[in-house]
């Protein structure tokens, strides 16, 4: 029963998309080009966000730290040190357990 409602929901969303963007009036070739351009734009946007957003957030966090505390800090290096310390503590605990 759940798969039937999922199928119905997907069909409803596809119909809603077709009606919203008037793709139901396109010929098959026009639909292909429209969906190709849409896929290309979404793909490039998601790749750009994946590649550049962490660096940008790090830059903004560094600036916010400077505005609040008045000193510069490399957020990426700070995060690396925190994670290395946490992972190093885990490795040390594993070595202690092995010795026991």
N, C-alpha and C. Protein backbone atom coordinates (compact mmCIF):
# COMPACT_ATOMS: atom_id res chain seq x y z
N UNK A 1 0.82 -1.20 0.00
CA UNK A 1 0.00 0.00 0.00
C UNK A 1 0.86 1.26 0.00
N UNK A 2 1.98 1.21 0.71
CA UNK A 2 2.85 2.38 0.79
C UNK A 2 3.46 2.71 -0.56
N UNK A 3 3.81 1.67 -1.34
CA UNK A 3 4.40 1.93 -2.65
C UNK A 3 3.38 2.57 -3.58
N UNK A 4 2.10 2.20 -3.42
CA UNK A 4 1.06 2.80 -4.25
C UNK A 4 0.93 4.29 -3.96
N UNK A 5 0.95 4.67 -2.68
CA UNK A 5 0.83 6.08 -2.34
C UNK A 5 2.09 6.85 -2.76
N UNK A 6 3.25 6.21 -2.69
CA UNK A 6 4.48 6.85 -3.15
C UNK A 6 4.43 7.09 -4.65
N UNK A 7 3.96 6.09 -5.39
CA UNK A 7 3.83 6.23 -6.83
C UNK A 7 2.86 7.35 -7.18
N UNK A 8 1.75 7.40 -6.46
CA UNK A 8 0.75 8.44 -6.71
C UNK A 8 1.31 9.83 -6.38
N UNK A 9 2.11 9.92 -5.31
CA UNK A 9 2.70 11.19 -4.93
C UNK A 9 3.70 11.66 -5.98
N UNK A 10 4.51 10.74 -6.50
CA UNK A 10 5.48 11.10 -7.54
C UNK A 10 4.76 11.56 -8.80
N UNK A 11 3.72 10.84 -9.19
CA UNK A 11 2.94 11.26 -10.36
C UNK A 11 2.33 12.64 -10.16
N UNK A 12 1.84 12.90 -8.95
CA UNK A 12 1.23 14.19 -8.65
C UNK A 12 2.28 15.31 -8.74
N UNK A 13 3.49 15.06 -8.21
CA UNK A 13 4.55 16.08 -8.27
C UNK A 13 5.00 16.32 -9.71
N UNK A 14 5.05 15.25 -10.51
CA UNK A 14 5.41 15.42 -11.93
C UNK A 14 4.37 16.25 -12.66
N UNK A 15 3.10 15.97 -12.39
CA UNK A 15 2.03 16.75 -13.01
C UNK A 15 2.08 18.21 -12.55
N UNK A 16 2.35 18.42 -11.26
CA UNK A 16 2.45 19.78 -10.73
C UNK A 16 3.60 20.53 -11.39
N UNK A 17 4.73 19.85 -11.59
CA UNK A 17 5.87 20.47 -12.27
C UNK A 17 5.52 20.81 -13.71
N UNK A 18 4.87 19.87 -14.42
CA UNK A 18 4.49 20.11 -15.81
C UNK A 18 3.55 21.30 -15.94
N UNK A 19 2.59 21.40 -15.04
CA UNK A 19 1.62 22.50 -15.11
C UNK A 19 2.27 23.82 -14.72
N UNK A 20 3.16 23.80 -13.73
CA UNK A 20 3.80 25.04 -13.27
C UNK A 20 4.68 25.64 -14.35
N UNK A 21 5.49 24.80 -14.99
CA UNK A 21 6.44 25.31 -15.99
C UNK A 21 5.95 25.13 -17.42
N UNK A 22 4.72 24.69 -17.60
CA UNK A 22 4.09 24.54 -18.91
C UNK A 22 4.88 23.61 -19.84
N UNK A 23 5.52 22.60 -19.28
CA UNK A 23 6.26 21.66 -20.12
C UNK A 23 5.34 20.67 -20.81
N UNK A 24 4.09 20.59 -20.40
CA UNK A 24 3.15 19.70 -21.06
C UNK A 24 2.85 20.16 -22.48
N UNK A 25 3.14 21.42 -22.81
CA UNK A 25 2.90 21.94 -24.16
C UNK A 25 4.10 21.74 -25.08
N UNK A 26 5.23 21.31 -24.52
CA UNK A 26 6.43 21.14 -25.33
C UNK A 26 6.35 19.86 -26.16
N UNK A 27 7.03 19.90 -27.30
CA UNK A 27 7.21 18.67 -28.06
C UNK A 27 8.25 17.83 -27.34
N UNK A 28 8.36 16.56 -27.68
CA UNK A 28 9.36 15.72 -27.00
C UNK A 28 10.79 16.27 -27.11
N UNK A 29 11.14 16.85 -28.25
CA UNK A 29 12.48 17.41 -28.42
C UNK A 29 12.67 18.64 -27.53
N UNK A 30 11.68 19.49 -27.44
CA UNK A 30 11.75 20.66 -26.58
C UNK A 30 11.85 20.25 -25.11
N UNK A 31 11.08 19.22 -24.73
CA UNK A 31 11.17 18.72 -23.37
C UNK A 31 12.57 18.21 -23.07
N UNK A 32 13.17 17.51 -24.04
CA UNK A 32 14.53 16.99 -23.86
C UNK A 32 15.51 18.14 -23.62
N UNK A 33 15.43 19.18 -24.44
CA UNK A 33 16.34 20.32 -24.27
C UNK A 33 16.09 21.05 -22.95
N UNK A 34 14.82 21.23 -22.62
CA UNK A 34 14.48 21.91 -21.37
C UNK A 34 15.01 21.15 -20.17
N UNK A 35 14.75 19.85 -20.12
CA UNK A 35 15.22 19.05 -18.99
C UNK A 35 16.73 18.93 -18.98
N UNK A 36 17.36 18.92 -20.16
CA UNK A 36 18.82 18.87 -20.22
C UNK A 36 19.44 20.13 -19.63
N UNK A 37 18.91 21.29 -20.00
CA UNK A 37 19.42 22.55 -19.47
C UNK A 37 19.15 22.63 -17.97
N UNK A 38 17.98 22.21 -17.54
CA UNK A 38 17.65 22.21 -16.11
C UNK A 38 18.59 21.30 -15.34
N UNK A 39 18.84 20.10 -15.86
CA UNK A 39 19.77 19.17 -15.21
C UNK A 39 21.18 19.76 -15.16
N UNK A 40 21.61 20.39 -16.24
CA UNK A 40 22.94 21.00 -16.28
C UNK A 40 23.08 22.10 -15.24
N UNK A 41 22.08 22.96 -15.14
CA UNK A 41 22.14 24.05 -14.17
C UNK A 41 22.13 23.54 -12.73
N UNK A 42 21.28 22.57 -12.45
CA UNK A 42 21.22 22.02 -11.09
C UNK A 42 22.52 21.29 -10.76
N UNK A 43 23.07 20.56 -11.72
CA UNK A 43 24.32 19.84 -11.49
C UNK A 43 25.47 20.80 -11.22
N UNK A 44 25.60 21.83 -12.04
CA UNK A 44 26.69 22.79 -11.85
C UNK A 44 26.55 23.56 -10.54
N UNK A 45 25.33 23.89 -10.18
CA UNK A 45 25.11 24.58 -8.91
C UNK A 45 25.46 23.70 -7.73
N UNK A 46 25.06 22.44 -7.79
CA UNK A 46 25.38 21.55 -6.66
C UNK A 46 26.87 21.25 -6.58
N UNK A 47 27.55 21.12 -7.72
CA UNK A 47 29.00 20.91 -7.71
C UNK A 47 29.71 22.14 -7.15
N UNK A 48 29.29 23.32 -7.58
CA UNK A 48 29.90 24.56 -7.08
C UNK A 48 29.67 24.71 -5.58
N UNK A 49 28.48 24.39 -5.12
CA UNK A 49 28.20 24.49 -3.68
C UNK A 49 29.04 23.49 -2.90
N UNK A 50 29.20 22.29 -3.43
CA UNK A 50 30.00 21.27 -2.75
C UNK A 50 31.47 21.66 -2.70
N UNK A 51 31.97 22.25 -3.76
CA UNK A 51 33.39 22.59 -3.80
C UNK A 51 33.73 23.87 -3.05
N UNK A 52 32.90 24.91 -3.18
CA UNK A 52 33.28 26.23 -2.69
C UNK A 52 32.57 26.66 -1.42
N UNK A 53 31.45 26.06 -1.05
CA UNK A 53 30.73 26.49 0.13
C UNK A 53 31.51 26.27 1.42
N UNK A 54 32.19 25.13 1.62
CA UNK A 54 32.95 24.97 2.87
C UNK A 54 34.04 26.04 3.04
N UNK A 55 34.72 26.38 1.96
CA UNK A 55 35.76 27.41 2.02
C UNK A 55 35.14 28.76 2.35
N UNK A 56 34.00 29.05 1.77
CA UNK A 56 33.34 30.33 2.01
C UNK A 56 32.83 30.42 3.45
N UNK A 57 32.27 29.33 3.95
CA UNK A 57 31.81 29.31 5.34
C UNK A 57 32.99 29.49 6.29
N UNK A 58 34.11 28.85 5.97
CA UNK A 58 35.31 29.00 6.78
C UNK A 58 35.79 30.46 6.79
N UNK A 59 35.75 31.10 5.65
CA UNK A 59 36.14 32.50 5.56
C UNK A 59 35.21 33.38 6.39
N UNK A 60 33.91 33.13 6.28
CA UNK A 60 32.94 33.92 7.06
C UNK A 60 33.11 33.68 8.55
N UNK A 61 33.36 32.43 8.94
CA UNK A 61 33.56 32.12 10.36
C UNK A 61 34.83 32.81 10.88
N UNK A 62 35.88 32.84 10.06
CA UNK A 62 37.10 33.54 10.46
C UNK A 62 36.87 35.03 10.64
N UNK A 63 36.11 35.62 9.74
CA UNK A 63 35.81 37.05 9.87
C UNK A 63 34.96 37.33 11.10
N UNK A 64 33.97 36.46 11.35
CA UNK A 64 33.13 36.64 12.54
C UNK A 64 33.97 36.51 13.80
N UNK A 65 34.90 35.56 13.81
CA UNK A 65 35.79 35.39 14.97
C UNK A 65 36.62 36.66 15.18
N UNK A 66 37.11 37.24 14.08
CA UNK A 66 37.91 38.46 14.17
C UNK A 66 37.07 39.62 14.71
N UNK A 67 35.83 39.74 14.23
CA UNK A 67 34.98 40.84 14.68
C UNK A 67 34.61 40.69 16.15
N UNK A 68 34.44 39.47 16.61
CA UNK A 68 34.05 39.24 18.00
C UNK A 68 35.24 39.33 18.94
N UNK A 69 36.35 38.66 18.59
CA UNK A 69 37.49 38.55 19.50
C UNK A 69 38.66 39.48 19.18
N UNK A 70 38.71 40.04 18.00
CA UNK A 70 39.77 40.97 17.65
C UNK A 70 41.09 40.33 17.27
N UNK A 71 41.10 39.03 17.05
CA UNK A 71 42.31 38.36 16.61
C UNK A 71 41.97 37.44 15.45
N UNK A 72 42.95 37.24 14.59
CA UNK A 72 42.69 36.38 13.44
C UNK A 72 42.90 34.92 13.84
N UNK A 73 42.15 34.07 13.18
CA UNK A 73 42.27 32.64 13.42
C UNK A 73 41.99 31.93 12.11
N UNK A 74 42.77 30.87 11.87
CA UNK A 74 42.54 30.05 10.69
C UNK A 74 41.57 28.94 11.10
N UNK A 75 40.33 29.09 10.69
CA UNK A 75 39.28 28.17 11.12
C UNK A 75 39.58 26.75 10.63
N UNK A 76 40.09 26.61 9.40
CA UNK A 76 40.37 25.28 8.87
C UNK A 76 41.44 24.59 9.69
N UNK A 77 42.51 25.31 10.04
CA UNK A 77 43.57 24.71 10.86
C UNK A 77 43.05 24.40 12.26
N UNK A 78 42.23 25.27 12.81
CA UNK A 78 41.67 25.05 14.13
C UNK A 78 40.79 23.79 14.14
N UNK A 79 39.95 23.64 13.11
CA UNK A 79 39.09 22.46 13.02
C UNK A 79 39.94 21.20 12.85
N UNK A 80 41.00 21.29 12.03
CA UNK A 80 41.89 20.14 11.87
C UNK A 80 42.51 19.73 13.21
N UNK A 81 42.96 20.71 13.98
CA UNK A 81 43.56 20.41 15.28
C UNK A 81 42.55 19.77 16.24
N UNK A 82 41.34 20.27 16.23
CA UNK A 82 40.31 19.71 17.09
C UNK A 82 40.03 18.27 16.71
N UNK A 83 39.87 18.01 15.41
CA UNK A 83 39.57 16.65 14.97
C UNK A 83 40.76 15.72 15.17
N UNK A 84 41.97 16.23 14.94
CA UNK A 84 43.15 15.40 15.18
C UNK A 84 43.27 15.06 16.66
N UNK A 85 42.99 16.03 17.51
CA UNK A 85 43.03 15.77 18.95
C UNK A 85 41.99 14.74 19.36
N UNK A 86 40.79 14.85 18.79
CA UNK A 86 39.73 13.90 19.13
C UNK A 86 40.07 12.51 18.60
N UNK A 87 40.60 12.46 17.39
CA UNK A 87 40.96 11.17 16.83
C UNK A 87 42.19 10.59 17.53
N UNK A 88 43.11 11.48 17.91
CA UNK A 88 44.30 11.02 18.62
C UNK A 88 43.94 10.47 19.99
N UNK A 89 42.98 11.09 20.65
CA UNK A 89 42.53 10.60 21.95
C UNK A 89 41.91 9.22 21.80
N UNK A 90 41.20 9.03 20.72
CA UNK A 90 40.60 7.72 20.46
C UNK A 90 41.66 6.67 20.20
N UNK A 91 42.72 7.04 19.49
CA UNK A 91 43.80 6.10 19.22
C UNK A 91 44.53 5.76 20.51
N UNK A 92 44.74 6.76 21.37
CA UNK A 92 45.40 6.51 22.65
C UNK A 92 44.57 5.59 23.53
N UNK A 93 43.27 5.79 23.53
CA UNK A 93 42.39 4.94 24.32
C UNK A 93 42.41 3.52 23.77
N UNK A 94 42.48 3.38 22.45
CA UNK A 94 42.53 2.05 21.86
C UNK A 94 43.83 1.35 22.25
N UNK A 95 44.93 2.10 22.31
CA UNK A 95 46.21 1.50 22.71
C UNK A 95 46.16 1.06 24.18
N UNK A 96 45.53 1.86 25.03
CA UNK A 96 45.40 1.49 26.44
C UNK A 96 44.56 0.22 26.57
N UNK A 97 43.50 0.12 25.82
CA UNK A 97 42.64 -1.06 25.87
C UNK A 97 43.41 -2.28 25.40
N UNK A 98 44.23 -2.13 24.36
CA UNK A 98 45.02 -3.26 23.86
C UNK A 98 46.02 -3.72 24.90
N UNK A 99 46.60 -2.79 25.66
CA UNK A 99 47.57 -3.15 26.68
C UNK A 99 46.91 -3.94 27.80
N UNK A 100 45.68 -3.62 28.10
CA UNK A 100 44.98 -4.34 29.18
C UNK A 100 44.72 -5.74 28.72
